[in-house]
Amino acid sequence: MSQVSPEELLLVGKVLRPHGLEGKLRILSYAESEKSFLRPGIVVLKPERGEPREFRVFSIKPHKNVLLVKLKGLDSPEEAERYRGADIFLRKSLLTRRGEDEFYWHEIIGLRVCLKSGEHLGTIREIFQTGSNDIYVVREGEKEILIPAISDVVREIDLASKKMIIEPMEGLLEINEV
């Protein structure tokens, strides 16, 4: 594999252990679904010791609370064992957008958040999922604001200027001050 800088990679999971006799891997996924691995079709495994290596995804399927992944070139339990505990990355350049208004979490975290009036509220430090929409955790010093990731609130995301413009619903900023 050609040398890849860490900035070009997105951590999406961890190899737990080999599975079966065909060299499959049992992985813990940090991604939304198995489709996140299939769309780019290529993953980078970085073992605890050794160099990162690229693999083509041959198959992937949910199994209990994990994913079972078959990678081209891993054909035995012994070969798969070398990657026990390895981090799994995707190349950011291979990620595709499903829609114009959809963003990856790594693009959102770190954005400055401002009101339409221009008032700076803070920076998105983390994101958590709820049943219906994500919540952006915006911090400025000791102050923390929870912003729902819905179109009624989030009016603009400008990745080039690393800025998000919001128009809070009535009472949203007051609720966050409790």
N, C-alpha and C. Protein backbone atom coordinates (compact mmCIF):
# COMPACT_ATOMS: atom_id res chain seq x y z
N MET A 1 0.85 -1.18 0.00
CA MET A 1 0.00 0.00 0.00
C MET A 1 0.89 1.24 0.00
N SER A 2 0.54 2.20 -0.81
CA SER A 2 1.28 3.45 -0.82
C SER A 2 1.09 4.14 0.52
N GLN A 3 2.06 4.95 0.91
CA GLN A 3 2.01 5.63 2.20
C GLN A 3 0.80 6.55 2.25
N VAL A 4 0.00 6.42 3.29
CA VAL A 4 -1.22 7.21 3.45
C VAL A 4 -1.08 8.01 4.74
N SER A 5 -1.37 9.30 4.67
CA SER A 5 -1.29 10.11 5.88
C SER A 5 -2.54 9.86 6.73
N PRO A 6 -2.42 9.97 8.04
CA PRO A 6 -3.56 9.75 8.92
C PRO A 6 -4.76 10.67 8.60
N GLU A 7 -4.48 11.86 8.07
CA GLU A 7 -5.55 12.80 7.74
C GLU A 7 -6.43 12.28 6.60
N GLU A 8 -5.90 11.37 5.80
CA GLU A 8 -6.65 10.81 4.67
C GLU A 8 -7.55 9.65 5.06
N LEU A 9 -7.43 9.19 6.32
CA LEU A 9 -8.16 8.01 6.75
C LEU A 9 -9.23 8.35 7.78
N LEU A 10 -10.31 7.56 7.75
CA LEU A 10 -11.40 7.71 8.70
C LEU A 10 -11.57 6.39 9.43
N LEU A 11 -11.44 6.41 10.76
CA LEU A 11 -11.60 5.21 11.58
C LEU A 11 -13.07 4.79 11.57
N VAL A 12 -13.33 3.52 11.18
CA VAL A 12 -14.72 3.05 11.07
C VAL A 12 -14.99 1.76 11.84
N GLY A 13 -13.95 1.19 12.46
CA GLY A 13 -14.20 -0.03 13.21
C GLY A 13 -12.94 -0.64 13.76
N LYS A 14 -13.13 -1.81 14.38
CA LYS A 14 -12.02 -2.55 14.99
C LYS A 14 -12.26 -4.03 14.77
N VAL A 15 -11.19 -4.74 14.42
CA VAL A 15 -11.26 -6.19 14.27
C VAL A 15 -11.27 -6.80 15.66
N LEU A 16 -12.28 -7.62 15.93
CA LEU A 16 -12.34 -8.29 17.23
C LEU A 16 -11.54 -9.59 17.21
N ARG A 17 -11.80 -10.42 16.16
CA ARG A 17 -11.11 -11.70 16.04
C ARG A 17 -11.48 -12.35 14.71
N PRO A 18 -10.75 -13.41 14.34
CA PRO A 18 -11.14 -14.17 13.14
C PRO A 18 -12.47 -14.89 13.38
N HIS A 19 -13.13 -15.27 12.30
CA HIS A 19 -14.40 -15.99 12.40
C HIS A 19 -14.42 -17.09 11.34
N GLY A 20 -14.52 -18.32 11.76
CA GLY A 20 -14.63 -19.43 10.83
C GLY A 20 -13.30 -19.82 10.21
N LEU A 21 -13.41 -20.67 9.17
CA LEU A 21 -12.23 -21.26 8.54
C LEU A 21 -11.82 -20.57 7.24
N GLU A 22 -12.60 -19.58 6.80
CA GLU A 22 -12.33 -18.94 5.50
C GLU A 22 -11.58 -17.62 5.61
N GLY A 23 -11.14 -17.26 6.80
CA GLY A 23 -10.41 -16.00 6.96
C GLY A 23 -11.30 -14.80 7.16
N LYS A 24 -12.57 -15.02 7.52
CA LYS A 24 -13.45 -13.88 7.80
C LYS A 24 -13.03 -13.21 9.10
N LEU A 25 -13.42 -11.95 9.22
CA LEU A 25 -13.14 -11.17 10.43
C LEU A 25 -14.44 -10.79 11.11
N ARG A 26 -14.44 -10.86 12.41
CA ARG A 26 -15.55 -10.38 13.21
C ARG A 26 -15.15 -8.97 13.62
N ILE A 27 -15.94 -7.98 13.22
CA ILE A 27 -15.56 -6.59 13.50
C ILE A 27 -16.64 -5.84 14.27
N LEU A 28 -16.17 -4.90 15.06
CA LEU A 28 -17.04 -3.95 15.73
C LEU A 28 -17.04 -2.71 14.84
N SER A 29 -18.21 -2.35 14.35
CA SER A 29 -18.31 -1.22 13.43
C SER A 29 -18.70 0.05 14.16
N TYR A 30 -18.03 1.15 13.81
CA TYR A 30 -18.40 2.47 14.31
C TYR A 30 -19.27 3.20 13.28
N ALA A 31 -19.47 2.58 12.13
CA ALA A 31 -20.20 3.20 11.02
C ALA A 31 -21.70 2.97 11.17
N GLU A 32 -22.45 3.72 10.40
CA GLU A 32 -23.91 3.65 10.45
C GLU A 32 -24.44 2.28 10.06
N SER A 33 -23.88 1.68 9.02
CA SER A 33 -24.33 0.36 8.57
C SER A 33 -23.22 -0.31 7.76
N GLU A 34 -23.47 -1.55 7.40
CA GLU A 34 -22.47 -2.28 6.59
C GLU A 34 -22.29 -1.64 5.22
N LYS A 35 -23.27 -0.88 4.76
CA LYS A 35 -23.15 -0.20 3.47
C LYS A 35 -21.98 0.79 3.46
N SER A 36 -21.62 1.29 4.64
CA SER A 36 -20.49 2.22 4.74
C SER A 36 -19.19 1.56 4.28
N PHE A 37 -19.10 0.25 4.40
CA PHE A 37 -17.91 -0.49 3.96
C PHE A 37 -18.02 -0.89 2.49
N LEU A 38 -19.24 -1.17 2.04
CA LEU A 38 -19.44 -1.65 0.68
C LEU A 38 -19.31 -0.54 -0.36
N ARG A 39 -19.79 0.66 -0.03
CA ARG A 39 -19.73 1.75 -1.02
C ARG A 39 -18.31 2.02 -1.50
N PRO A 40 -17.35 2.25 -0.59
CA PRO A 40 -15.98 2.45 -1.08
C PRO A 40 -15.35 1.14 -1.55
N GLY A 41 -15.74 0.00 -0.93
CA GLY A 41 -15.25 -1.30 -1.37
C GLY A 41 -13.84 -1.64 -0.95
N ILE A 42 -13.14 -0.72 -0.33
CA ILE A 42 -11.76 -0.94 0.08
C ILE A 42 -11.61 -0.46 1.52
N VAL A 43 -10.95 -1.27 2.36
CA VAL A 43 -10.66 -0.86 3.73
C VAL A 43 -9.15 -0.93 3.96
N VAL A 44 -8.70 -0.20 4.95
CA VAL A 44 -7.30 -0.23 5.36
C VAL A 44 -7.29 -0.79 6.78
N LEU A 45 -6.54 -1.88 6.97
CA LEU A 45 -6.38 -2.46 8.30
C LEU A 45 -5.03 -2.04 8.84
N LYS A 46 -5.03 -1.50 10.06
CA LYS A 46 -3.79 -1.10 10.73
C LYS A 46 -3.65 -1.97 11.96
N PRO A 47 -2.81 -3.02 11.85
CA PRO A 47 -2.64 -3.90 13.01
C PRO A 47 -1.94 -3.18 14.15
N GLU A 48 -2.05 -3.75 15.36
CA GLU A 48 -1.40 -3.14 16.51
C GLU A 48 0.11 -3.05 16.29
N ARG A 49 0.66 -4.06 15.58
CA ARG A 49 2.08 -4.04 15.20
C ARG A 49 2.13 -4.27 13.70
N GLY A 50 2.92 -3.48 13.03
CA GLY A 50 3.04 -3.67 11.59
C GLY A 50 2.46 -2.52 10.80
N GLU A 51 2.59 -2.64 9.50
CA GLU A 51 2.18 -1.59 8.58
C GLU A 51 0.70 -1.73 8.18
N PRO A 52 0.05 -0.61 7.87
CA PRO A 52 -1.32 -0.67 7.37
C PRO A 52 -1.34 -1.40 6.02
N ARG A 53 -2.45 -2.07 5.74
CA ARG A 53 -2.60 -2.78 4.47
C ARG A 53 -4.02 -2.62 3.96
N GLU A 54 -4.11 -2.39 2.65
CA GLU A 54 -5.40 -2.22 2.00
C GLU A 54 -5.96 -3.56 1.56
N PHE A 55 -7.29 -3.71 1.70
CA PHE A 55 -7.99 -4.92 1.27
C PHE A 55 -9.28 -4.53 0.56
N ARG A 56 -9.64 -5.33 -0.43
CA ARG A 56 -10.94 -5.17 -1.09
C ARG A 56 -11.97 -5.95 -0.27
N VAL A 57 -13.14 -5.34 -0.04
CA VAL A 57 -14.22 -5.99 0.70
C VAL A 57 -14.92 -6.95 -0.25
N PHE A 58 -14.90 -8.23 0.10
CA PHE A 58 -15.53 -9.26 -0.73
C PHE A 58 -16.99 -9.45 -0.31
N SER A 59 -17.23 -9.51 1.00
CA SER A 59 -18.60 -9.62 1.51
C SER A 59 -18.64 -9.10 2.93
N ILE A 60 -19.85 -8.73 3.34
CA ILE A 60 -20.04 -8.24 4.71
C ILE A 60 -21.49 -8.51 5.08
N LYS A 61 -21.70 -8.99 6.33
CA LYS A 61 -23.07 -9.21 6.77
C LYS A 61 -23.17 -9.04 8.28
N PRO A 62 -24.30 -8.52 8.74
CA PRO A 62 -24.52 -8.38 10.18
C PRO A 62 -24.61 -9.76 10.83
N HIS A 63 -24.09 -9.87 12.05
CA HIS A 63 -24.14 -11.11 12.81
C HIS A 63 -24.17 -10.74 14.28
N LYS A 64 -25.32 -10.92 14.91
CA LYS A 64 -25.54 -10.51 16.30
C LYS A 64 -25.24 -9.01 16.41
N ASN A 65 -24.29 -8.61 17.24
CA ASN A 65 -23.98 -7.17 17.40
C ASN A 65 -22.74 -6.75 16.65
N VAL A 66 -22.26 -7.57 15.73
CA VAL A 66 -21.03 -7.28 15.00
C VAL A 66 -21.28 -7.47 13.51
N LEU A 67 -20.23 -7.27 12.73
CA LEU A 67 -20.28 -7.56 11.29
C LEU A 67 -19.25 -8.65 11.00
N LEU A 68 -19.62 -9.54 10.08
CA LEU A 68 -18.68 -10.54 9.58
C LEU A 68 -18.22 -10.07 8.21
N VAL A 69 -16.91 -9.92 8.05
CA VAL A 69 -16.35 -9.35 6.83
C VAL A 69 -15.38 -10.33 6.20
N LYS A 70 -15.54 -10.53 4.90
CA LYS A 70 -14.59 -11.33 4.12
C LYS A 70 -13.83 -10.36 3.24
N LEU A 71 -12.50 -10.36 3.40
CA LEU A 71 -11.64 -9.48 2.63
C LEU A 71 -10.83 -10.30 1.64
N LYS A 72 -10.69 -9.79 0.44
CA LYS A 72 -9.90 -10.47 -0.58
C LYS A 72 -8.44 -10.53 -0.12
N GLY A 73 -7.88 -11.74 -0.10
CA GLY A 73 -6.49 -11.91 0.32
C GLY A 73 -6.34 -12.49 1.71
N LEU A 74 -7.40 -12.50 2.48
CA LEU A 74 -7.39 -13.19 3.78
C LEU A 74 -8.21 -14.46 3.61
N ASP A 75 -7.52 -15.59 3.51
CA ASP A 75 -8.21 -16.83 3.16
C ASP A 75 -8.12 -17.93 4.21
N SER A 76 -7.51 -17.64 5.35
CA SER A 76 -7.40 -18.66 6.40
C SER A 76 -7.51 -17.99 7.76
N PRO A 77 -7.85 -18.77 8.78
CA PRO A 77 -7.89 -18.19 10.13
C PRO A 77 -6.53 -17.66 10.57
N GLU A 78 -5.46 -18.31 10.12
CA GLU A 78 -4.11 -17.87 10.49
C GLU A 78 -3.80 -16.48 9.91
N GLU A 79 -4.17 -16.27 8.64
CA GLU A 79 -3.96 -14.95 8.03
C GLU A 79 -4.81 -13.90 8.73
N ALA A 80 -6.06 -14.25 9.03
CA ALA A 80 -6.97 -13.32 9.70
C ALA A 80 -6.49 -12.98 11.11
N GLU A 81 -5.88 -13.94 11.78
CA GLU A 81 -5.40 -13.75 13.15
C GLU A 81 -4.40 -12.60 13.26
N ARG A 82 -3.63 -12.38 12.21
CA ARG A 82 -2.64 -11.28 12.21
C ARG A 82 -3.29 -9.91 12.42
N TYR A 83 -4.60 -9.84 12.13
CA TYR A 83 -5.29 -8.55 12.21
C TYR A 83 -6.21 -8.43 13.42
N ARG A 84 -6.10 -9.39 14.36
CA ARG A 84 -6.86 -9.29 15.60
C ARG A 84 -6.49 -7.97 16.28
N GLY A 85 -7.50 -7.18 16.65
CA GLY A 85 -7.26 -5.90 17.32
C GLY A 85 -6.93 -4.75 16.38
N ALA A 86 -6.87 -5.01 15.08
CA ALA A 86 -6.51 -3.95 14.13
C ALA A 86 -7.62 -2.91 14.03
N ASP A 87 -7.22 -1.66 13.82
CA ASP A 87 -8.18 -0.61 13.50
C ASP A 87 -8.52 -0.71 12.02
N ILE A 88 -9.77 -0.37 11.70
CA ILE A 88 -10.25 -0.42 10.31
C ILE A 88 -10.54 1.01 9.86
N PHE A 89 -9.96 1.37 8.73
CA PHE A 89 -10.12 2.72 8.19
C PHE A 89 -10.69 2.66 6.78
N LEU A 90 -11.34 3.75 6.39
CA LEU A 90 -11.71 4.00 5.00
C LEU A 90 -10.93 5.22 4.55
N ARG A 91 -10.57 5.24 3.27
CA ARG A 91 -9.96 6.45 2.70
C ARG A 91 -11.07 7.49 2.52
N LYS A 92 -10.87 8.67 3.04
CA LYS A 92 -11.89 9.72 2.91
C LYS A 92 -12.17 10.03 1.45
N SER A 93 -11.16 9.91 0.60
CA SER A 93 -11.33 10.23 -0.82
C SER A 93 -12.28 9.26 -1.53
N LEU A 94 -12.52 8.08 -0.93
CA LEU A 94 -13.42 7.10 -1.55
C LEU A 94 -14.85 7.21 -1.04
N LEU A 95 -15.08 8.05 -0.05
CA LEU A 95 -16.43 8.20 0.49
C LEU A 95 -17.30 8.97 -0.49
N THR A 96 -18.53 8.54 -0.62
CA THR A 96 -19.47 9.22 -1.52
C THR A 96 -20.63 9.77 -0.70
N ARG A 97 -21.16 10.86 -1.18
CA ARG A 97 -22.33 11.47 -0.54
C ARG A 97 -23.59 10.88 -1.15
N ARG A 98 -24.57 10.64 -0.28
CA ARG A 98 -25.87 10.17 -0.76
C ARG A 98 -26.74 11.34 -1.19
N GLY A 99 -26.51 12.48 -0.59
CA GLY A 99 -27.31 13.65 -0.91
C GLY A 99 -26.52 14.91 -0.67
N GLU A 100 -26.98 15.98 -1.28
CA GLU A 100 -26.29 17.28 -1.19
C GLU A 100 -26.23 17.80 0.24
N ASP A 101 -27.26 17.50 1.03
CA ASP A 101 -27.33 18.01 2.40
C ASP A 101 -26.93 16.97 3.44
N GLU A 102 -26.15 15.99 3.05
CA GLU A 102 -25.68 14.97 3.98
C GLU A 102 -24.18 15.11 4.18
N PHE A 103 -23.78 14.99 5.44
CA PHE A 103 -22.38 15.18 5.79
C PHE A 103 -21.94 14.05 6.70
N TYR A 104 -20.65 13.78 6.70
CA TYR A 104 -20.07 12.81 7.61
C TYR A 104 -19.74 13.51 8.92
N TRP A 105 -19.79 12.74 10.01
CA TRP A 105 -19.52 13.32 11.32
C TRP A 105 -18.15 13.97 11.37
N HIS A 106 -17.16 13.37 10.74
CA HIS A 106 -15.81 13.96 10.80
C HIS A 106 -15.75 15.33 10.12
N GLU A 107 -16.71 15.62 9.25
CA GLU A 107 -16.77 16.93 8.62
C GLU A 107 -17.46 17.96 9.51
N ILE A 108 -18.39 17.48 10.35
CA ILE A 108 -19.19 18.36 11.20
C ILE A 108 -18.45 18.75 12.48
N ILE A 109 -17.79 17.74 13.09
CA ILE A 109 -17.07 18.02 14.34
C ILE A 109 -15.96 19.03 14.06
N GLY A 110 -15.94 20.09 14.86
CA GLY A 110 -14.96 21.16 14.68
C GLY A 110 -15.51 22.40 14.00
N LEU A 111 -16.73 22.32 13.44
CA LEU A 111 -17.32 23.50 12.82
C LEU A 111 -17.68 24.55 13.87
N ARG A 112 -17.47 25.82 13.52
CA ARG A 112 -17.93 26.93 14.36
C ARG A 112 -19.43 27.09 14.11
N VAL A 113 -20.18 27.33 15.17
CA VAL A 113 -21.63 27.50 15.05
C VAL A 113 -21.98 28.94 15.35
N CYS A 114 -22.76 29.54 14.42
CA CYS A 114 -23.18 30.94 14.57
C CYS A 114 -24.68 31.04 14.32
N LEU A 115 -25.27 32.06 14.92
CA LEU A 115 -26.66 32.40 14.61
C LEU A 115 -26.69 33.12 13.27
N LYS A 116 -27.86 33.22 12.67
CA LYS A 116 -27.99 33.95 11.40
C LYS A 116 -27.52 35.39 11.56
N SER A 117 -27.66 35.93 12.77
CA SER A 117 -27.24 37.31 13.04
C SER A 117 -25.72 37.46 13.05
N GLY A 118 -24.99 36.32 13.09
CA GLY A 118 -23.54 36.35 13.11
C GLY A 118 -22.94 36.07 14.49
N GLU A 119 -23.79 36.03 15.52
CA GLU A 119 -23.30 35.77 16.88
C GLU A 119 -22.71 34.36 16.97
N HIS A 120 -21.49 34.27 17.48
CA HIS A 120 -20.79 32.99 17.62
C HIS A 120 -21.28 32.28 18.88
N LEU A 121 -21.70 31.00 18.74
CA LEU A 121 -22.18 30.23 19.88
C LEU A 121 -21.13 29.27 20.43
N GLY A 122 -20.25 28.79 19.57
CA GLY A 122 -19.25 27.82 20.02
C GLY A 122 -18.84 26.91 18.87
N THR A 123 -18.24 25.79 19.23
CA THR A 123 -17.72 24.84 18.26
C THR A 123 -18.33 23.47 18.53
N ILE A 124 -18.67 22.74 17.47
CA ILE A 124 -19.22 21.39 17.63
C ILE A 124 -18.09 20.48 18.10
N ARG A 125 -18.26 19.90 19.28
CA ARG A 125 -17.22 19.05 19.89
C ARG A 125 -17.55 17.57 19.78
N GLU A 126 -18.83 17.24 19.74
CA GLU A 126 -19.23 15.85 19.58
C GLU A 126 -20.64 15.77 19.02
N ILE A 127 -21.01 14.57 18.63
CA ILE A 127 -22.34 14.32 18.05
C ILE A 127 -22.85 13.04 18.68
N PHE A 128 -24.12 13.03 19.02
CA PHE A 128 -24.69 11.74 19.43
C PHE A 128 -26.01 11.53 18.73
N GLN A 129 -26.32 10.24 18.56
CA GLN A 129 -27.53 9.85 17.84
C GLN A 129 -28.70 9.73 18.81
N THR A 130 -29.85 10.11 18.32
CA THR A 130 -31.10 9.84 19.03
C THR A 130 -31.96 9.05 18.05
N GLY A 131 -33.14 8.73 18.43
CA GLY A 131 -34.00 7.95 17.56
C GLY A 131 -34.36 8.65 16.26
N SER A 132 -34.54 9.95 16.30
CA SER A 132 -35.02 10.64 15.11
C SER A 132 -33.97 11.49 14.40
N ASN A 133 -33.04 12.05 15.13
CA ASN A 133 -32.01 12.90 14.51
C ASN A 133 -30.78 12.96 15.40
N ASP A 134 -29.67 13.39 14.83
CA ASP A 134 -28.45 13.58 15.60
C ASP A 134 -28.56 14.85 16.43
N ILE A 135 -27.76 14.92 17.48
CA ILE A 135 -27.65 16.12 18.31
C ILE A 135 -26.21 16.58 18.27
N TYR A 136 -26.01 17.86 17.97
CA TYR A 136 -24.67 18.45 17.95
C TYR A 136 -24.41 19.07 19.33
N VAL A 137 -23.28 18.72 19.93
CA VAL A 137 -22.88 19.28 21.21
C VAL A 137 -21.92 20.43 20.91
N VAL A 138 -22.40 21.66 21.19
CA VAL A 138 -21.64 22.87 20.90
C VAL A 138 -21.12 23.42 22.22
N ARG A 139 -19.80 23.66 22.26
CA ARG A 139 -19.19 24.17 23.50
C ARG A 139 -18.41 25.46 23.21
N GLU A 140 -18.49 26.33 24.21
CA GLU A 140 -17.67 27.55 24.21
C GLU A 140 -17.31 27.78 25.67
N GLY A 141 -16.06 27.50 26.04
CA GLY A 141 -15.65 27.57 27.44
C GLY A 141 -16.43 26.56 28.25
N GLU A 142 -17.09 27.02 29.30
CA GLU A 142 -17.88 26.14 30.17
C GLU A 142 -19.31 25.97 29.65
N LYS A 143 -19.69 26.77 28.69
CA LYS A 143 -21.07 26.76 28.17
C LYS A 143 -21.24 25.64 27.14
N GLU A 144 -22.34 24.89 27.27
CA GLU A 144 -22.64 23.80 26.34
C GLU A 144 -24.07 23.96 25.83
N ILE A 145 -24.24 23.83 24.53
CA ILE A 145 -25.55 23.94 23.90
C ILE A 145 -25.78 22.67 23.08
N LEU A 146 -26.96 22.10 23.19
CA LEU A 146 -27.34 20.93 22.40
C LEU A 146 -28.23 21.39 21.24
N ILE A 147 -27.77 21.13 20.03
CA ILE A 147 -28.47 21.60 18.82
C ILE A 147 -29.00 20.39 18.06
N PRO A 148 -30.31 20.32 17.82
CA PRO A 148 -30.83 19.21 17.02
C PRO A 148 -30.42 19.37 15.55
N ALA A 149 -30.00 18.29 14.94
CA ALA A 149 -29.57 18.32 13.53
C ALA A 149 -30.79 18.15 12.64
N ILE A 150 -31.59 19.21 12.59
CA ILE A 150 -32.80 19.21 11.75
C ILE A 150 -32.79 20.46 10.89
N SER A 151 -33.42 20.37 9.75
CA SER A 151 -33.38 21.49 8.79
C SER A 151 -34.08 22.74 9.31
N ASP A 152 -35.01 22.60 10.26
CA ASP A 152 -35.66 23.78 10.84
C ASP A 152 -34.68 24.61 11.66
N VAL A 153 -33.60 23.99 12.13
CA VAL A 153 -32.62 24.69 12.97
C VAL A 153 -31.33 24.96 12.19
N VAL A 154 -30.77 23.93 11.57
CA VAL A 154 -29.51 24.07 10.83
C VAL A 154 -29.84 24.65 9.45
N ARG A 155 -29.42 25.87 9.21
CA ARG A 155 -29.77 26.56 7.97
C ARG A 155 -28.70 26.44 6.90
N GLU A 156 -27.42 26.35 7.33
CA GLU A 156 -26.34 26.31 6.34
C GLU A 156 -25.13 25.64 6.94
N ILE A 157 -24.49 24.81 6.14
CA ILE A 157 -23.21 24.22 6.52
C ILE A 157 -22.23 24.56 5.42
N ASP A 158 -21.18 25.27 5.80
CA ASP A 158 -20.15 25.68 4.85
C ASP A 158 -18.83 25.03 5.28
N LEU A 159 -18.52 23.89 4.65
CA LEU A 159 -17.31 23.17 5.02
C LEU A 159 -16.05 23.95 4.70
N ALA A 160 -16.08 24.72 3.62
CA ALA A 160 -14.89 25.48 3.22
C ALA A 160 -14.49 26.49 4.30
N SER A 161 -15.48 27.15 4.90
CA SER A 161 -15.18 28.12 5.95
C SER A 161 -15.34 27.53 7.35
N LYS A 162 -15.61 26.22 7.42
CA LYS A 162 -15.75 25.49 8.68
C LYS A 162 -16.77 26.15 9.61
N LYS A 163 -17.96 26.42 9.03
CA LYS A 163 -18.96 27.17 9.77
C LYS A 163 -20.36 26.59 9.54
N MET A 164 -21.16 26.59 10.60
CA MET A 164 -22.57 26.19 10.53
C MET A 164 -23.41 27.37 11.00
N ILE A 165 -24.43 27.69 10.25
CA ILE A 165 -25.36 28.76 10.62
C ILE A 165 -26.65 28.10 11.10
N ILE A 166 -27.13 28.54 12.27
CA ILE A 166 -28.38 27.97 12.78
C ILE A 166 -29.39 29.07 13.04
N GLU A 167 -30.64 28.68 13.05
CA GLU A 167 -31.75 29.54 13.44
C GLU A 167 -32.53 28.75 14.49
N PRO A 168 -32.22 29.02 15.78
CA PRO A 168 -32.82 28.19 16.83
C PRO A 168 -34.33 28.34 16.91
N MET A 169 -34.98 27.23 17.24
CA MET A 169 -36.41 27.26 17.50
C MET A 169 -36.64 28.07 18.77
N GLU A 170 -37.83 28.57 18.92
CA GLU A 170 -38.14 29.37 20.10
C GLU A 170 -37.83 28.59 21.37
N GLY A 171 -37.06 29.19 22.26
CA GLY A 171 -36.73 28.58 23.54
C GLY A 171 -35.52 27.65 23.53
N LEU A 172 -34.97 27.32 22.37
CA LEU A 172 -33.87 26.36 22.31
C LEU A 172 -32.65 26.83 23.10
N LEU A 173 -32.25 28.05 22.92
CA LEU A 173 -31.06 28.55 23.63
C LEU A 173 -31.34 28.73 25.12
N GLU A 174 -32.57 29.06 25.48
CA GLU A 174 -32.92 29.22 26.89
C GLU A 174 -32.94 27.86 27.59
N ILE A 175 -33.43 26.82 26.93
CA ILE A 175 -33.44 25.46 27.50
C ILE A 175 -32.03 25.03 27.84
N ASN A 176 -31.10 25.36 26.97
CA ASN A 176 -29.72 24.94 27.16
C ASN A 176 -29.01 25.68 28.28
N GLU A 177 -29.60 26.74 28.79
CA GLU A 177 -28.96 27.50 29.86
C GLU A 177 -29.33 27.00 31.25
N VAL A 178 -30.17 26.01 31.34
CA VAL A 178 -30.59 25.47 32.64
C VAL A 178 -29.46 24.71 33.27
